[in-house]
């Protein structure tokens, strides 16, 4: 048995541009993937919690943390990039938190590594 198919219209596959509007990036600055070993220092104390920077942009980062509740503002010491930045928590979901930088990253000092 033979089956024949005939069509007068060629159906083009859906392009990614047709869905681009739905998935459009809303961030002002692109994120760069990172796997940076870092620490969260509570402002005004020497208490630190280890974390991993998952991605970075000019204005913020996504961090993976294992600690419980954190204050809204803290210092992020990025040992991979050797910088220290003041941050504000914007969102949290399970072990991931999004932060906005409230200071420019500055080079770490010796006291930051102690």
PDB file of N, CA and C in Angstrom:
ATOM      1  N   UNK A   1       0.839  -1.170   0.000  1.00  0.00           N
ATOM      2  CA  UNK A   1       0.000   0.000   0.000  1.00  0.00           C
ATOM      3  C   UNK A   1       0.888   1.238   0.000  1.00  0.00           C
ATOM      4  N   UNK A   2       0.609   2.166  -0.906  1.00  0.00           N
ATOM      5  CA  UNK A   2       1.361   3.398  -0.991  1.00  0.00           C
ATOM      6  C   UNK A   2       0.497   4.553  -0.512  1.00  0.00           C
ATOM      7  N   UNK A   3       1.137   5.444   0.214  1.00  0.00           N
ATOM      8  CA  UNK A   3       0.437   6.636   0.692  1.00  0.00           C
ATOM      9  C   UNK A   3       1.151   7.844   0.111  1.00  0.00           C
ATOM     10  N   UNK A   4       0.413   8.720  -0.479  1.00  0.00           N
ATOM     11  CA  UNK A   4       1.009   9.921  -1.068  1.00  0.00           C
ATOM     12  C   UNK A   4       0.519  11.141  -0.299  1.00  0.00           C
ATOM     13  N   UNK A   5       1.436  12.061  -0.055  1.00  0.00           N
ATOM     14  CA  UNK A   5       1.098  13.315   0.608  1.00  0.00           C
ATOM     15  C   UNK A   5       1.359  14.449  -0.362  1.00  0.00           C
ATOM     16  N   UNK A   6       0.453  15.341  -0.434  1.00  0.00           N
ATOM     17  CA  UNK A   6       0.622  16.503  -1.302  1.00  0.00           C
ATOM     18  C   UNK A   6       0.190  17.738  -0.536  1.00  0.00           C
ATOM     19  N   UNK A   7       0.956  18.782  -0.703  1.00  0.00           N
ATOM     20  CA  UNK A   7       0.595  20.035  -0.063  1.00  0.00           C
ATOM     21  C   UNK A   7       1.012  21.181  -0.957  1.00  0.00           C
ATOM     22  N   UNK A   8       0.254  22.207  -0.942  1.00  0.00           N
ATOM     23  CA  UNK A   8       0.592  23.375  -1.746  1.00  0.00           C
ATOM     24  C   UNK A   8       1.237  24.454  -0.881  1.00  0.00           C
ATOM     25  N   UNK A   9       1.288  24.215   0.415  1.00  0.00           N
ATOM     26  CA  UNK A   9       1.845  25.209   1.319  1.00  0.00           C
ATOM     27  C   UNK A   9       2.991  24.581   2.102  1.00  0.00           C
ATOM     28  N   UNK A  10       4.136  25.210   2.060  1.00  0.00           N
ATOM     29  CA  UNK A  10       5.276  24.725   2.831  1.00  0.00           C
ATOM     30  C   UNK A  10       5.209  25.390   4.198  1.00  0.00           C
ATOM     31  N   UNK A  11       5.261  24.581   5.213  1.00  0.00           N
ATOM     32  CA  UNK A  11       5.184  25.094   6.585  1.00  0.00           C
ATOM     33  C   UNK A  11       6.605  25.294   7.087  1.00  0.00           C
ATOM     34  N   UNK A  12       6.910  26.533   7.397  1.00  0.00           N
ATOM     35  CA  UNK A  12       8.234  26.870   7.906  1.00  0.00           C
ATOM     36  C   UNK A  12       8.291  26.565   9.402  1.00  0.00           C
ATOM     37  N   UNK A  13       9.428  26.058   9.875  1.00  0.00           N
ATOM     38  CA  UNK A  13       9.550  25.839  11.324  1.00  0.00           C
ATOM     39  C   UNK A  13       9.500  27.164  12.061  1.00  0.00           C
ATOM     40  N   UNK A  14       9.004  27.094  13.276  1.00  0.00           N
ATOM     41  CA  UNK A  14       8.897  28.297  14.107  1.00  0.00           C
ATOM     42  C   UNK A  14      10.287  28.769  14.468  1.00  0.00           C
ATOM     43  N   UNK A  15      10.553  30.030  14.272  1.00  0.00           N
ATOM     44  CA  UNK A  15      11.877  30.562  14.579  1.00  0.00           C
ATOM     45  C   UNK A  15      11.931  31.041  16.009  1.00  0.00           C
ATOM     46  N   UNK A  16      13.154  31.160  16.515  1.00  0.00           N
ATOM     47  CA  UNK A  16      13.308  31.636  17.889  1.00  0.00           C
ATOM     48  C   UNK A  16      12.904  33.091  18.002  1.00  0.00           C
ATOM     49  N   UNK A  17      12.970  33.843  16.883  1.00  0.00           N
ATOM     50  CA  UNK A  17      12.583  35.257  16.956  1.00  0.00           C
ATOM     51  C   UNK A  17      11.097  35.435  17.224  1.00  0.00           C
ATOM     52  N   UNK A  18      10.283  34.422  16.842  1.00  0.00           N
ATOM     53  CA  UNK A  18       8.853  34.536  17.114  1.00  0.00           C
ATOM     54  C   UNK A  18       8.550  34.399  18.599  1.00  0.00           C
ATOM     55  N   UNK A  19       9.444  33.768  19.315  1.00  0.00           N
ATOM     56  CA  UNK A  19       9.275  33.640  20.764  1.00  0.00           C
ATOM     57  C   UNK A  19      10.156  34.620  21.524  1.00  0.00           C
ATOM     58  N   UNK A  20      10.957  35.384  20.808  1.00  0.00           N
ATOM     59  CA  UNK A  20      11.920  36.281  21.444  1.00  0.00           C
ATOM     60  C   UNK A  20      11.251  37.272  22.376  1.00  0.00           C
ATOM     61  N   UNK A  21      10.110  37.782  21.972  1.00  0.00           N
ATOM     62  CA  UNK A  21       9.417  38.760  22.807  1.00  0.00           C
ATOM     63  C   UNK A  21       9.038  38.153  24.155  1.00  0.00           C
ATOM     64  N   UNK A  22       8.607  36.889  24.157  1.00  0.00           N
ATOM     65  CA  UNK A  22       8.197  36.230  25.390  1.00  0.00           C
ATOM     66  C   UNK A  22       9.378  36.007  26.330  1.00  0.00           C
ATOM     67  N   UNK A  23      10.536  35.656  25.789  1.00  0.00           N
ATOM     68  CA  UNK A  23      11.703  35.330  26.602  1.00  0.00           C
ATOM     69  C   UNK A  23      12.724  36.460  26.661  1.00  0.00           C
ATOM     70  N   UNK A  24      12.342  37.672  26.328  1.00  0.00           N
ATOM     71  CA  UNK A  24      13.275  38.777  26.259  1.00  0.00           C
ATOM     72  C   UNK A  24      13.922  39.043  27.617  1.00  0.00           C
ATOM     73  N   UNK A  25      15.224  39.233  27.592  1.00  0.00           N
ATOM     74  CA  UNK A  25      15.985  39.545  28.796  1.00  0.00           C
ATOM     75  C   UNK A  25      15.568  40.919  29.309  1.00  0.00           C
ATOM     76  N   UNK A  26      15.274  41.019  30.590  1.00  0.00           N
ATOM     77  CA  UNK A  26      14.821  42.276  31.169  1.00  0.00           C
ATOM     78  C   UNK A  26      15.908  42.975  31.970  1.00  0.00           C
ATOM     79  N   UNK A  27      17.050  42.336  32.155  1.00  0.00           N
ATOM     80  CA  UNK A  27      18.121  42.949  32.927  1.00  0.00           C
ATOM     81  C   UNK A  27      18.818  44.034  32.108  1.00  0.00           C
ATOM     82  N   UNK A  28      19.270  45.065  32.791  1.00  0.00           N
ATOM     83  CA  UNK A  28      19.980  46.156  32.120  1.00  0.00           C
ATOM     84  C   UNK A  28      21.387  45.722  31.714  1.00  0.00           C
ATOM     85  N   UNK A  29      21.988  44.799  32.478  1.00  0.00           N
ATOM     86  CA  UNK A  29      23.350  44.331  32.206  1.00  0.00           C
ATOM     87  C   UNK A  29      23.350  42.813  32.104  1.00  0.00           C
ATOM     88  N   UNK A  30      24.028  42.297  31.110  1.00  0.00           N
ATOM     89  CA  UNK A  30      24.091  40.851  30.895  1.00  0.00           C
ATOM     90  C   UNK A  30      24.839  40.162  32.030  1.00  0.00           C
ATOM     91  N   UNK A  31      24.402  38.951  32.339  1.00  0.00           N
ATOM     92  CA  UNK A  31      25.081  38.155  33.360  1.00  0.00           C
ATOM     93  C   UNK A  31      26.141  37.277  32.722  1.00  0.00           C
ATOM     94  N   UNK A  32      27.221  37.072  33.459  1.00  0.00           N
ATOM     95  CA  UNK A  32      28.308  36.212  33.026  1.00  0.00           C
ATOM     96  C   UNK A  32      28.379  35.032  33.992  1.00  0.00           C
ATOM     97  N   UNK A  33      28.363  33.798  33.489  1.00  0.00           N
ATOM     98  CA  UNK A  33      28.482  32.647  34.393  1.00  0.00           C
ATOM     99  C   UNK A  33      29.793  32.708  35.183  1.00  0.00           C
ATOM    100  N   UNK A  34      29.728  32.271  36.417  1.00  0.00           N
ATOM    101  CA  UNK A  34      30.909  32.266  37.283  1.00  0.00           C
ATOM    102  C   UNK A  34      30.799  31.099  38.250  1.00  0.00           C
ATOM    103  N   UNK A  35      31.888  30.651  38.749  1.00  0.00           N
ATOM    104  CA  UNK A  35      31.936  29.657  39.822  1.00  0.00           C
ATOM    105  C   UNK A  35      32.989  30.148  40.811  1.00  0.00           C
ATOM    106  N   UNK A  36      32.715  31.315  41.400  1.00  0.00           N
ATOM    107  CA  UNK A  36      33.690  31.991  42.246  1.00  0.00           C
ATOM    108  C   UNK A  36      33.480  31.675  43.720  1.00  0.00           C
ATOM    109  N   UNK A  37      34.508  31.119  44.350  1.00  0.00           N
ATOM    110  CA  UNK A  37      34.492  30.872  45.789  1.00  0.00           C
ATOM    111  C   UNK A  37      34.478  32.225  46.492  1.00  0.00           C
ATOM    112  N   UNK A  38      33.513  32.424  47.383  1.00  0.00           N
ATOM    113  CA  UNK A  38      33.344  33.725  48.035  1.00  0.00           C
ATOM    114  C   UNK A  38      32.879  33.543  49.474  1.00  0.00           C
ATOM    115  N   UNK A  39      32.843  34.657  50.197  1.00  0.00           N
ATOM    116  CA  UNK A  39      32.329  34.667  51.562  1.00  0.00           C
ATOM    117  C   UNK A  39      31.428  35.875  51.758  1.00  0.00           C
ATOM    118  N   UNK A  40      30.414  35.683  52.561  1.00  0.00           N
ATOM    119  CA  UNK A  40      29.516  36.757  52.967  1.00  0.00           C
ATOM    120  C   UNK A  40      29.929  37.184  54.368  1.00  0.00           C
ATOM    121  N   UNK A  41      30.289  38.461  54.516  1.00  0.00           N
ATOM    122  CA  UNK A  41      30.641  39.011  55.822  1.00  0.00           C
ATOM    123  C   UNK A  41      29.514  39.914  56.278  1.00  0.00           C
ATOM    124  N   UNK A  42      29.040  39.680  57.484  1.00  0.00           N
ATOM    125  CA  UNK A  42      28.011  40.548  58.047  1.00  0.00           C
ATOM    126  C   UNK A  42      28.652  41.879  58.390  1.00  0.00           C
ATOM    127  N   UNK A  43      28.031  42.961  57.967  1.00  0.00           N
ATOM    128  CA  UNK A  43      28.587  44.299  58.145  1.00  0.00           C
ATOM    129  C   UNK A  43      28.799  44.584  59.625  1.00  0.00           C
ATOM    130  N   UNK A  44      30.007  45.066  59.971  1.00  0.00           N
ATOM    131  CA  UNK A  44      30.332  45.416  61.348  1.00  0.00           C
ATOM    132  C   UNK A  44      30.766  44.243  62.208  1.00  0.00           C
ATOM    133  N   UNK A  45      30.892  43.046  61.613  1.00  0.00           N
ATOM    134  CA  UNK A  45      31.328  41.872  62.377  1.00  0.00           C
ATOM    135  C   UNK A  45      32.412  41.129  61.609  1.00  0.00           C
ATOM    136  N   UNK A  46      32.962  40.113  62.247  1.00  0.00           N
ATOM    137  CA  UNK A  46      33.920  39.233  61.584  1.00  0.00           C
ATOM    138  C   UNK A  46      33.281  37.898  61.227  1.00  0.00           C
ATOM    139  N   UNK A  47      31.952  37.797  61.332  1.00  0.00           N
ATOM    140  CA  UNK A  47      31.249  36.558  61.005  1.00  0.00           C
ATOM    141  C   UNK A  47      31.150  36.412  59.494  1.00  0.00           C
ATOM    142  N   UNK A  48      31.545  35.246  58.998  1.00  0.00           N
ATOM    143  CA  UNK A  48      31.512  35.013  57.552  1.00  0.00           C
ATOM    144  C   UNK A  48      30.837  33.681  57.250  1.00  0.00           C
ATOM    145  N   UNK A  49      30.193  33.628  56.097  1.00  0.00           N
ATOM    146  CA  UNK A  49      29.551  32.411  55.600  1.00  0.00           C
ATOM    147  C   UNK A  49      30.056  32.154  54.187  1.00  0.00           C
ATOM    148  N   UNK A  50      30.472  30.923  53.919  1.00  0.00           N
ATOM    149  CA  UNK A  50      30.941  30.574  52.579  1.00  0.00           C
ATOM    150  C   UNK A  50      29.779  30.588  51.597  1.00  0.00           C
ATOM    151  N   UNK A  51      30.064  30.979  50.362  1.00  0.00           N
ATOM    152  CA  UNK A  51      29.060  30.958  49.301  1.00  0.00           C
ATOM    153  C   UNK A  51      29.774  30.793  47.966  1.00  0.00           C
ATOM    154  N   UNK A  52      28.983  30.563  46.921  1.00  0.00           N
ATOM    155  CA  UNK A  52      29.520  30.425  45.573  1.00  0.00           C
ATOM    156  C   UNK A  52      28.787  31.418  44.675  1.00  0.00           C
ATOM    157  N   UNK A  53      29.542  32.271  43.987  1.00  0.00           N
ATOM    158  CA  UNK A  53      28.945  33.188  43.025  1.00  0.00           C
ATOM    159  C   UNK A  53      28.629  32.373  41.776  1.00  0.00           C
ATOM    160  N   UNK A  54      27.354  32.306  41.407  1.00  0.00           N
ATOM    161  CA  UNK A  54      26.921  31.539  40.240  1.00  0.00           C
ATOM    162  C   UNK A  54      27.001  32.350  38.953  1.00  0.00           C
ATOM    163  N   UNK A  55      26.642  33.624  39.025  1.00  0.00           N
ATOM    164  CA  UNK A  55      26.815  34.516  37.878  1.00  0.00           C
ATOM    165  C   UNK A  55      26.932  35.953  38.356  1.00  0.00           C
ATOM    166  N   UNK A  56      27.502  36.784  37.484  1.00  0.00           N
ATOM    167  CA  UNK A  56      27.792  38.181  37.810  1.00  0.00           C
ATOM    168  C   UNK A  56      27.338  39.102  36.687  1.00  0.00           C
ATOM    169  N   UNK A  57      26.993  40.319  37.060  1.00  0.00           N
ATOM    170  CA  UNK A  57      26.781  41.393  36.091  1.00  0.00           C
ATOM    171  C   UNK A  57      27.460  42.626  36.668  1.00  0.00           C
ATOM    172  N   UNK A  58      27.344  43.742  35.975  1.00  0.00           N
ATOM    173  CA  UNK A  58      27.931  44.982  36.488  1.00  0.00           C
ATOM    174  C   UNK A  58      27.240  45.451  37.758  1.00  0.00           C
ATOM    175  N   UNK A  59      25.968  45.079  37.920  1.00  0.00           N
ATOM    176  CA  UNK A  59      25.186  45.627  39.030  1.00  0.00           C
ATOM    177  C   UNK A  59      24.780  44.613  40.088  1.00  0.00           C
ATOM    178  N   UNK A  60      25.087  43.329  39.900  1.00  0.00           N
ATOM    179  CA  UNK A  60      24.669  42.352  40.890  1.00  0.00           C
ATOM    180  C   UNK A  60      25.187  40.960  40.603  1.00  0.00           C
ATOM    181  N   UNK A  61      24.675  39.995  41.388  1.00  0.00           N
ATOM    182  CA  UNK A  61      25.134  38.616  41.263  1.00  0.00           C
ATOM    183  C   UNK A  61      24.075  37.657  41.786  1.00  0.00           C
ATOM    184  N   UNK A  62      24.223  36.401  41.387  1.00  0.00           N
ATOM    185  CA  UNK A  62      23.409  35.320  41.951  1.00  0.00           C
ATOM    186  C   UNK A  62      24.351  34.455  42.766  1.00  0.00           C
ATOM    187  N   UNK A  63      24.003  34.251  44.033  1.00  0.00           N
ATOM    188  CA  UNK A  63      24.843  33.506  44.957  1.00  0.00           C
ATOM    189  C   UNK A  63      24.159  32.228  45.402  1.00  0.00           C
ATOM    190  N   UNK A  64      24.947  31.179  45.585  1.00  0.00           N
ATOM    191  CA  UNK A  64      24.450  29.954  46.207  1.00  0.00           C
ATOM    192  C   UNK A  64      24.993  29.949  47.625  1.00  0.00           C
ATOM    193  N   UNK A  65      24.081  29.873  48.596  1.00  0.00           N
ATOM    194  CA  UNK A  65      24.464  29.933  50.002  1.00  0.00           C
ATOM    195  C   UNK A  65      23.967  28.695  50.727  1.00  0.00           C
ATOM    196  N   UNK A  66      24.600  28.387  51.843  1.00  0.00           N
ATOM    197  CA  UNK A  66      24.149  27.255  52.651  1.00  0.00           C
ATOM    198  C   UNK A  66      23.699  27.698  54.032  1.00  0.00           C
ATOM    199  N   UNK A  67      23.785  29.013  54.281  1.00  0.00           N
ATOM    200  CA  UNK A  67      23.387  29.527  55.595  1.00  0.00           C
ATOM    201  C   UNK A  67      21.902  29.862  55.591  1.00  0.00           C
ATOM    202  N   UNK A  68      21.382  30.072  56.749  1.00  0.00           N
ATOM    203  CA  UNK A  68      19.970  30.414  56.895  1.00  0.00           C
ATOM    204  C   UNK A  68      19.700  31.860  56.545  1.00  0.00           C
ATOM    205  N   UNK A  69      19.013  32.538  57.422  1.00  0.00           N
ATOM    206  CA  UNK A  69      18.610  33.919  57.188  1.00  0.00           C
ATOM    207  C   UNK A  69      19.831  34.838  57.242  1.00  0.00           C
ATOM    208  N   UNK A  70      19.896  35.729  56.280  1.00  0.00           N
ATOM    209  CA  UNK A  70      20.964  36.725  56.222  1.00  0.00           C
ATOM    210  C   UNK A  70      20.352  38.113  56.377  1.00  0.00           C
ATOM    211  N   UNK A  71      21.142  39.062  56.875  1.00  0.00           N
ATOM    212  CA  UNK A  71      20.631  40.433  56.903  1.00  0.00           C
ATOM    213  C   UNK A  71      20.470  40.944  55.480  1.00  0.00           C
ATOM    214  N   UNK A  72      19.723  42.018  55.332  1.00  0.00           N
ATOM    215  CA  UNK A  72      19.447  42.587  54.017  1.00  0.00           C
ATOM    216  C   UNK A  72      20.709  43.115  53.328  1.00  0.00           C
ATOM    217  N   UNK A  73      21.678  43.607  54.109  1.00  0.00           N
ATOM    218  CA  UNK A  73      22.925  44.140  53.550  1.00  0.00           C
ATOM    219  C   UNK A  73      24.112  43.408  54.148  1.00  0.00           C
ATOM    220  N   UNK A  74      25.113  43.156  53.299  1.00  0.00           N
ATOM    221  CA  UNK A  74      26.326  42.461  53.746  1.00  0.00           C
ATOM    222  C   UNK A  74      27.450  42.737  52.765  1.00  0.00           C
ATOM    223  N   UNK A  75      28.659  42.346  53.146  1.00  0.00           N
ATOM    224  CA  UNK A  75      29.824  42.481  52.262  1.00  0.00           C
ATOM    225  C   UNK A  75      30.108  41.126  51.626  1.00  0.00           C
ATOM    226  N   UNK A  76      30.331  41.140  50.325  1.00  0.00           N
ATOM    227  CA  UNK A  76      30.673  39.930  49.585  1.00  0.00           C
ATOM    228  C   UNK A  76      32.157  39.998  49.240  1.00  0.00           C
ATOM    229  N   UNK A  77      32.913  39.046  49.759  1.00  0.00           N
ATOM    230  CA  UNK A  77      34.338  38.942  49.443  1.00  0.00           C
ATOM    231  C   UNK A  77      34.488  37.815  48.440  1.00  0.00           C
ATOM    232  N   UNK A  78      34.866  38.181  47.220  1.00  0.00           N
ATOM    233  CA  UNK A  78      35.036  37.217  46.138  1.00  0.00           C
ATOM    234  C   UNK A  78      36.515  36.851  46.075  1.00  0.00           C
ATOM    235  N   UNK A  79      36.840  35.641  46.555  1.00  0.00           N
ATOM    236  CA  UNK A  79      38.244  35.213  46.606  1.00  0.00           C
ATOM    237  C   UNK A  79      38.804  34.936  45.220  1.00  0.00           C
ATOM    238  N   UNK A  80      37.964  34.538  44.281  1.00  0.00           N
ATOM    239  CA  UNK A  80      38.431  34.265  42.924  1.00  0.00           C
ATOM    240  C   UNK A  80      38.836  35.556  42.223  1.00  0.00           C
ATOM    241  N   UNK A  81      38.012  36.587  42.340  1.00  0.00           N
ATOM    242  CA  UNK A  81      38.294  37.880  41.692  1.00  0.00           C
ATOM    243  C   UNK A  81      39.090  38.817  42.603  1.00  0.00           C
ATOM    244  N   UNK A  82      39.252  38.427  43.859  1.00  0.00           N
ATOM    245  CA  UNK A  82      39.981  39.203  44.864  1.00  0.00           C
ATOM    246  C   UNK A  82      39.384  40.604  45.040  1.00  0.00           C
ATOM    247  N   UNK A  83      38.030  40.630  45.186  1.00  0.00           N
ATOM    248  CA  UNK A  83      37.316  41.897  45.389  1.00  0.00           C
ATOM    249  C   UNK A  83      36.407  41.816  46.605  1.00  0.00           C
ATOM    250  N   UNK A  84      36.013  42.996  47.068  1.00  0.00           N
ATOM    251  CA  UNK A  84      35.061  43.127  48.175  1.00  0.00           C
ATOM    252  C   UNK A  84      33.996  44.126  47.730  1.00  0.00           C
ATOM    253  N   UNK A  85      32.719  43.762  47.911  1.00  0.00           N
ATOM    254  CA  UNK A  85      31.611  44.587  47.442  1.00  0.00           C
ATOM    255  C   UNK A  85      30.486  44.579  48.472  1.00  0.00           C
ATOM    256  N   UNK A  86      29.901  45.730  48.751  1.00  0.00           N
ATOM    257  CA  UNK A  86      28.712  45.780  49.596  1.00  0.00           C
ATOM    258  C   UNK A  86      27.506  45.410  48.753  1.00  0.00           C
ATOM    259  N   UNK A  87      26.620  44.573  49.316  1.00  0.00           N
ATOM    260  CA  UNK A  87      25.480  44.050  48.567  1.00  0.00           C
ATOM    261  C   UNK A  87      24.182  44.216  49.342  1.00  0.00           C
ATOM    262  N   UNK A  88      23.095  44.222  48.590  1.00  0.00           N
ATOM    263  CA  UNK A  88      21.750  44.234  49.159  1.00  0.00           C
ATOM    264  C   UNK A  88      20.991  43.058  48.554  1.00  0.00           C
ATOM    265  N   UNK A  89      20.341  42.262  49.403  1.00  0.00           N
ATOM    266  CA  UNK A  89      19.565  41.124  48.925  1.00  0.00           C
ATOM    267  C   UNK A  89      18.315  41.618  48.213  1.00  0.00           C
ATOM    268  N   UNK A  90      18.082  41.104  47.002  1.00  0.00           N
ATOM    269  CA  UNK A  90      16.921  41.478  46.200  1.00  0.00           C
ATOM    270  C   UNK A  90      15.875  40.367  46.211  1.00  0.00           C
ATOM    271  N   UNK A  91      16.326  39.109  46.120  1.00  0.00           N
ATOM    272  CA  UNK A  91      15.406  37.970  46.134  1.00  0.00           C
ATOM    273  C   UNK A  91      16.120  36.758  46.720  1.00  0.00           C
ATOM    274  N   UNK A  92      15.323  35.791  47.144  1.00  0.00           N
ATOM    275  CA  UNK A  92      15.869  34.532  47.659  1.00  0.00           C
ATOM    276  C   UNK A  92      14.916  33.408  47.308  1.00  0.00           C
ATOM    277  N   UNK A  93      15.467  32.298  46.834  1.00  0.00           N
ATOM    278  CA  UNK A  93      14.697  31.093  46.561  1.00  0.00           C
ATOM    279  C   UNK A  93      15.555  29.902  46.962  1.00  0.00           C
ATOM    280  N   UNK A  94      15.150  29.243  48.041  1.00  0.00           N
ATOM    281  CA  UNK A  94      15.900  28.110  48.601  1.00  0.00           C
ATOM    282  C   UNK A  94      17.330  28.527  48.908  1.00  0.00           C
ATOM    283  N   UNK A  95      18.315  27.925  48.245  1.00  0.00           N
ATOM    284  CA  UNK A  95      19.717  28.237  48.546  1.00  0.00           C
ATOM    285  C   UNK A  95      20.305  29.295  47.614  1.00  0.00           C
ATOM    286  N   UNK A  96      19.495  29.868  46.735  1.00  0.00           N
ATOM    287  CA  UNK A  96      19.986  30.898  45.807  1.00  0.00           C
ATOM    288  C   UNK A  96      19.478  32.264  46.249  1.00  0.00           C
ATOM    289  N   UNK A  97      20.353  33.259  46.177  1.00  0.00           N
ATOM    290  CA  UNK A  97      19.936  34.627  46.451  1.00  0.00           C
ATOM    291  C   UNK A  97      20.458  35.543  45.347  1.00  0.00           C
ATOM    292  N   UNK A  98      19.675  36.541  45.037  1.00  0.00           N
ATOM    293  CA  UNK A  98      20.088  37.562  44.081  1.00  0.00           C
ATOM    294  C   UNK A  98      20.426  38.817  44.845  1.00  0.00           C
ATOM    295  N   UNK A  99      21.562  39.416  44.510  1.00  0.00           N
ATOM    296  CA  UNK A  99      21.994  40.629  45.202  1.00  0.00           C
ATOM    297  C   UNK A  99      22.258  41.744  44.203  1.00  0.00           C
ATOM    298  N   UNK A 100      22.053  42.966  44.667  1.00  0.00           N
ATOM    299  CA  UNK A 100      22.421  44.161  43.905  1.00  0.00           C
ATOM    300  C   UNK A 100      23.632  44.756  44.603  1.00  0.00           C
ATOM    301  N   UNK A 101      24.610  45.161  43.816  1.00  0.00           N
ATOM    302  CA  UNK A 101      25.792  45.799  44.388  1.00  0.00           C
ATOM    303  C   UNK A 101      25.435  47.225  44.781  1.00  0.00           C
ATOM    304  N   UNK A 102      25.758  47.599  46.025  1.00  0.00           N
ATOM    305  CA  UNK A 102      25.518  48.973  46.471  1.00  0.00           C
ATOM    306  C   UNK A 102      26.834  49.736  46.609  1.00  0.00           C
ATOM    307  N   UNK A 103      27.926  49.080  46.256  1.00  0.00           N
ATOM    308  CA  UNK A 103      29.225  49.750  46.127  1.00  0.00           C
ATOM    309  C   UNK A 103      29.943  49.087  44.957  1.00  0.00           C
ATOM    310  N   UNK A 104      30.905  49.783  44.413  1.00  0.00           N
ATOM    311  CA  UNK A 104      31.705  49.201  43.343  1.00  0.00           C
ATOM    312  C   UNK A 104      32.656  48.165  43.942  1.00  0.00           C
ATOM    313  N   UNK A 105      32.913  47.065  43.223  1.00  0.00           N
ATOM    314  CA  UNK A 105      33.900  46.107  43.731  1.00  0.00           C
ATOM    315  C   UNK A 105      35.253  46.807  43.897  1.00  0.00           C
ATOM    316  N   UNK A 106      35.884  46.564  45.032  1.00  0.00           N
ATOM    317  CA  UNK A 106      37.205  47.153  45.266  1.00  0.00           C
ATOM    318  C   UNK A 106      38.169  46.036  45.607  1.00  0.00           C
ATOM    319  N   UNK A 107      39.446  46.241  45.376  1.00  0.00           N
ATOM    320  CA  UNK A 107      40.426  45.196  45.666  1.00  0.00           C
ATOM    321  C   UNK A 107      40.389  44.798  47.138  1.00  0.00           C
ATOM    322  N   UNK A 108      40.574  43.511  47.387  1.00  0.00           N
ATOM    323  CA  UNK A 108      40.615  43.020  48.766  1.00  0.00           C
ATOM    324  C   UNK A 108      41.872  43.528  49.452  1.00  0.00           C
ATOM    325  N   UNK A 109      41.758  43.734  50.759  1.00  0.00           N
ATOM    326  CA  UNK A 109      42.919  44.083  51.577  1.00  0.00           C
ATOM    327  C   UNK A 109      43.289  42.877  52.407  1.00  0.00           C
ATOM    328  N   UNK A 110      44.405  42.944  53.097  1.00  0.00           N
ATOM    329  CA  UNK A 110      44.837  41.834  53.946  1.00  0.00           C
ATOM    330  C   UNK A 110      43.811  41.530  55.025  1.00  0.00           C
ATOM    331  N   UNK A 111      43.153  42.558  55.585  1.00  0.00           N
ATOM    332  CA  UNK A 111      42.182  42.315  56.649  1.00  0.00           C
ATOM    333  C   UNK A 111      40.947  41.593  56.118  1.00  0.00           C
ATOM    334  N   UNK A 112      40.626  41.724  54.802  1.00  0.00           N
ATOM    335  CA  UNK A 112      39.506  41.015  54.198  1.00  0.00           C
ATOM    336  C   UNK A 112      39.752  39.518  54.134  1.00  0.00           C
ATOM    337  N   UNK A 113      40.998  39.092  54.130  1.00  0.00           N
ATOM    338  CA  UNK A 113      41.317  37.673  53.990  1.00  0.00           C
ATOM    339  C   UNK A 113      41.521  36.981  55.330  1.00  0.00           C
ATOM    340  N   UNK A 114      41.488  37.721  56.406  1.00  0.00           N
ATOM    341  CA  UNK A 114      41.691  37.101  57.725  1.00  0.00           C
ATOM    342  C   UNK A 114      40.430  36.520  58.275  1.00  0.00           C
TER     343      UNK A 114
END
